[in-house]
C-alpha atoms as a PDB file:
ATOM      1  CA  MET A   1     -13.622   8.092 -20.579  1.00  0.00           C
ATOM      2  CA  LYS A   2     -16.847   8.739 -18.663  1.00  0.00           C
ATOM      3  CA  SER A   3     -18.834  11.358 -20.451  1.00  0.00           C
ATOM      4  CA  LYS A   4     -19.762  14.723 -18.081  1.00  0.00           C
ATOM      5  CA  GLU A   5     -23.230  14.641 -16.263  1.00  0.00           C
ATOM      6  CA  SER A   6     -25.369  17.459 -17.301  1.00  0.00           C
ATOM      7  CA  TYR A   7     -26.906  19.899 -14.712  1.00  0.00           C
ATOM      8  CA  LYS A   8     -30.216  19.015 -15.662  1.00  0.00           C
ATOM      9  CA  HIS A   9     -29.935  15.135 -15.525  1.00  0.00           C
ATOM     10  CA  LYS A  10     -27.846  15.870 -11.892  1.00  0.00           C
ATOM     11  CA  SER A  11     -30.649  18.046 -10.731  1.00  0.00           C
ATOM     12  CA  ALA A  12     -33.525  15.551 -11.662  1.00  0.00           C
ATOM     13  CA  LYS A  13     -31.531  12.935  -9.995  1.00  0.00           C
ATOM     14  CA  GLN A  14     -31.384  14.729  -6.600  1.00  0.00           C
ATOM     15  CA  VAL A  15     -34.771  15.983  -6.728  1.00  0.00           C
ATOM     16  CA  LEU A  16     -36.322  12.294  -7.431  1.00  0.00           C
ATOM     17  CA  ALA A  17     -33.661  10.785  -4.702  1.00  0.00           C
ATOM     18  CA  ASN A  18     -35.561  13.484  -2.180  1.00  0.00           C
ATOM     19  CA  TRP A  19     -38.836  12.391  -3.271  1.00  0.00           C
ATOM     20  CA  LEU A  20     -37.909   8.286  -2.833  1.00  0.00           C
ATOM     21  CA  SER A  21     -36.297   9.187   0.565  1.00  0.00           C
ATOM     22  CA  LYS A  22     -39.370   9.694   2.072  1.00  0.00           C
ATOM     23  CA  PHE A  23     -40.628   5.805   1.785  1.00  0.00           C
ATOM     24  CA  PHE A  24     -37.038   4.291   1.020  1.00  0.00           C
ATOM     25  CA  LYS A  25     -33.407   4.218   1.893  1.00  0.00           C
ATOM     26  CA  VAL A  26     -31.828   6.062  -1.076  1.00  0.00           C
ATOM     27  CA  GLU A  27     -28.339   5.292  -2.859  1.00  0.00           C
ATOM     28  CA  ILE A  28     -27.392   7.528  -5.616  1.00  0.00           C
ATOM     29  CA  GLU A  29     -24.669   6.079  -8.111  1.00  0.00           C
ATOM     30  CA  ARG A  30     -24.597   2.977  -5.877  1.00  0.00           C
ATOM     31  CA  GLU A  31     -21.517   0.708  -7.689  1.00  0.00           C
ATOM     32  CA  PHE A  32     -22.211  -2.531  -8.615  1.00  0.00           C
ATOM     33  CA  LYS A  33     -18.562  -3.065  -9.595  1.00  0.00           C
ATOM     34  CA  ASP A  34     -18.725  -6.797  -9.825  1.00  0.00           C
ATOM     35  CA  TYR A  35     -21.600  -6.528 -12.542  1.00  0.00           C
ATOM     36  CA  GLY A  36     -20.500  -3.513 -14.122  1.00  0.00           C
ATOM     37  CA  PHE A  37     -23.283  -0.901 -13.662  1.00  0.00           C
ATOM     38  CA  ARG A  38     -24.303   2.017 -11.620  1.00  0.00           C
ATOM     39  CA  PRO A  39     -28.009   2.776 -11.212  1.00  0.00           C
ATOM     40  CA  ASP A  40     -28.429   6.244 -10.921  1.00  0.00           C
ATOM     41  CA  ILE A  41     -30.618   5.515  -7.674  1.00  0.00           C
ATOM     42  CA  THR A  42     -31.085   2.337  -6.073  1.00  0.00           C
ATOM     43  CA  ILE A  43     -33.869   2.085  -3.133  1.00  0.00           C
ATOM     44  CA  SER A  44     -34.255  -0.242  -0.599  1.00  0.00           C
ATOM     45  CA  THR A  45     -36.393  -1.369   2.687  1.00  0.00           C
ATOM     46  CA  ASN A  46     -34.777  -3.154   5.436  1.00  0.00           C
ATOM     47  CA  GLY A  47     -31.702  -3.924   3.686  1.00  0.00           C
ATOM     48  CA  GLN A  48     -33.269  -5.492   0.546  1.00  0.00           C
ATOM     49  CA  ILE A  49     -33.101  -3.673  -2.772  1.00  0.00           C
ATOM     50  CA  GLN A  50     -36.280  -2.911  -4.022  1.00  0.00           C
ATOM     51  CA  ALA A  51     -35.706  -1.135  -7.539  1.00  0.00           C
ATOM     52  CA  PHE A  52     -33.538   0.746  -9.750  1.00  0.00           C
ATOM     53  CA  TYR A  53     -34.265   4.042 -10.908  1.00  0.00           C
ATOM     54  CA  GLU A  54     -32.261   5.891 -14.100  1.00  0.00           C
ATOM     55  CA  VAL A  55     -33.339   9.454 -15.217  1.00  0.00           C
ATOM     56  CA  VAL A  56     -32.736   9.862 -18.842  1.00  0.00           C
ATOM     57  CA  HIS A  57     -32.076  13.138 -20.418  1.00  0.00           C
ATOM     58  CA  LYS A  58     -30.220  13.045 -23.570  1.00  0.00           C
ATOM     59  CA  SER A  59     -29.966   9.538 -24.080  1.00  0.00           C
ATOM     60  CA  ASP A  60     -31.549   6.435 -22.979  1.00  0.00           C
ATOM     61  CA  ILE A  61     -30.296   3.587 -20.685  1.00  0.00           C
ATOM     62  CA  SER A  62     -28.264   1.126 -22.812  1.00  0.00           C
ATOM     63  CA  GLY A  63     -29.250  -2.469 -23.441  1.00  0.00           C
ATOM     64  CA  LYS A  64     -25.820  -3.622 -22.217  1.00  0.00           C
ATOM     65  CA  THR A  65     -26.618  -1.861 -18.713  1.00  0.00           C
ATOM     66  CA  ILE A  66     -29.868  -3.362 -18.697  1.00  0.00           C
ATOM     67  CA  GLY A  67     -28.386  -6.851 -19.518  1.00  0.00           C
ATOM     68  CA  ARG A  68     -26.142  -6.490 -16.702  1.00  0.00           C
ATOM     69  CA  MET A  69     -28.771  -5.455 -14.167  1.00  0.00           C
ATOM     70  CA  GLN A  70     -30.684  -8.363 -15.373  1.00  0.00           C
ATOM     71  CA  TYR A  71     -27.477 -10.534 -14.488  1.00  0.00           C
ATOM     72  CA  PHE A  72     -27.028  -9.013 -11.145  1.00  0.00           C
ATOM     73  CA  CYS A  73     -31.028  -9.912 -10.530  1.00  0.00           C
ATOM     74  CA  TYR A  74     -30.398 -13.948 -11.892  1.00  0.00           C
ATOM     75  CA  VAL A  75     -27.283 -14.450  -9.754  1.00  0.00           C
ATOM     76  CA  ASN A  76     -28.938 -13.120  -6.520  1.00  0.00           C
ATOM     77  CA  ASN A  77     -32.193 -14.728  -7.187  1.00  0.00           C
ATOM     78  CA  ILE A  78     -34.122 -11.902  -6.824  1.00  0.00           C
ATOM     79  CA  GLU A  79     -36.792 -10.013  -9.076  1.00  0.00           C
ATOM     80  CA  LEU A  80     -36.526  -6.090  -9.351  1.00  0.00           C
ATOM     81  CA  LEU A  81     -38.229  -3.248 -11.292  1.00  0.00           C
ATOM     82  CA  LEU A  82     -35.945  -0.831 -13.166  1.00  0.00           C
ATOM     83  CA  HIS A  83     -37.684   2.416 -13.240  1.00  0.00           C
ATOM     84  CA  ILE A  84     -36.617   4.715 -16.328  1.00  0.00           C
ATOM     85  CA  VAL A  85     -37.802   8.424 -15.458  1.00  0.00           C
ATOM     86  CA  ASP A  86     -37.036  11.557 -17.569  1.00  0.00           C
ATOM     87  CA  ALA A  87     -35.647  14.282 -16.269  1.00  0.00           C
ATOM     88  CA  GLU A  88     -37.934  16.831 -17.707  1.00  0.00           C
ATOM     89  CA  TYR A  89     -40.741  15.250 -16.107  1.00  0.00           C
ATOM     90  CA  ILE A  90     -39.259  15.444 -13.012  1.00  0.00           C
ATOM     91  CA  LEU A  91     -37.987  18.970 -13.230  1.00  0.00           C
ATOM     92  CA  CYS A  92     -40.934  20.214 -14.480  1.00  0.00           C
ATOM     93  CA  GLN A  93     -43.500  19.366 -11.476  1.00  0.00           C
ATOM     94  CA  CYS A  94     -43.961  21.885  -8.697  1.00  0.00           C
ATOM     95  CA  ASP A  95     -44.772  19.906  -5.657  1.00  0.00           C
ATOM     96  CA  GLN A  96     -43.843  15.793  -5.348  1.00  0.00           C
ATOM     97  CA  PRO A  97     -46.532  14.038  -7.540  1.00  0.00           C
ATOM     98  CA  GLU A  98     -48.720  11.393  -5.832  1.00  0.00           C
ATOM     99  CA  SER A  99     -47.133   8.798  -8.660  1.00  0.00           C
ATOM    100  CA  ILE A 100     -44.014   9.168 -10.463  1.00  0.00           C
ATOM    101  CA  PHE A 101     -44.508   8.651 -13.974  1.00  0.00           C
ATOM    102  CA  SER A 102     -42.035   6.157 -15.356  1.00  0.00           C
ATOM    103  CA  LEU A 103     -41.325   3.387 -17.923  1.00  0.00           C
ATOM    104  CA  LYS A 104     -41.097   0.093 -15.637  1.00  0.00           C
ATOM    105  CA  CYS A 105     -39.252  -2.780 -16.773  1.00  0.00           C
ATOM    106  CA  GLU A 106     -39.253  -5.957 -14.852  1.00  0.00           C
ATOM    107  CA  LEU A 107     -35.406  -7.332 -14.413  1.00  0.00           C
END
């Protein structure tokens, strides 16, 4: 059973997507069905995935999900970054920041 998404998480995800859409093609909740994961935000340029973003609020991203993302990168022979951004940080900004504070992980 899928857990319900909190309003804070959903709002933060939308704000972050709006920020990123100025520079990248943004997909919210894109499903990577063959690999069993769905990042909050996937960004790409020229049809090439650049990074995944996960917005955290009540719980962190699981190791299982990170492993699936790593497997996706391995199978497709690409290197991506996973950005983990706190929902509170996003929603506390008055304007779009010059850079987004996130925990970055190479996949």
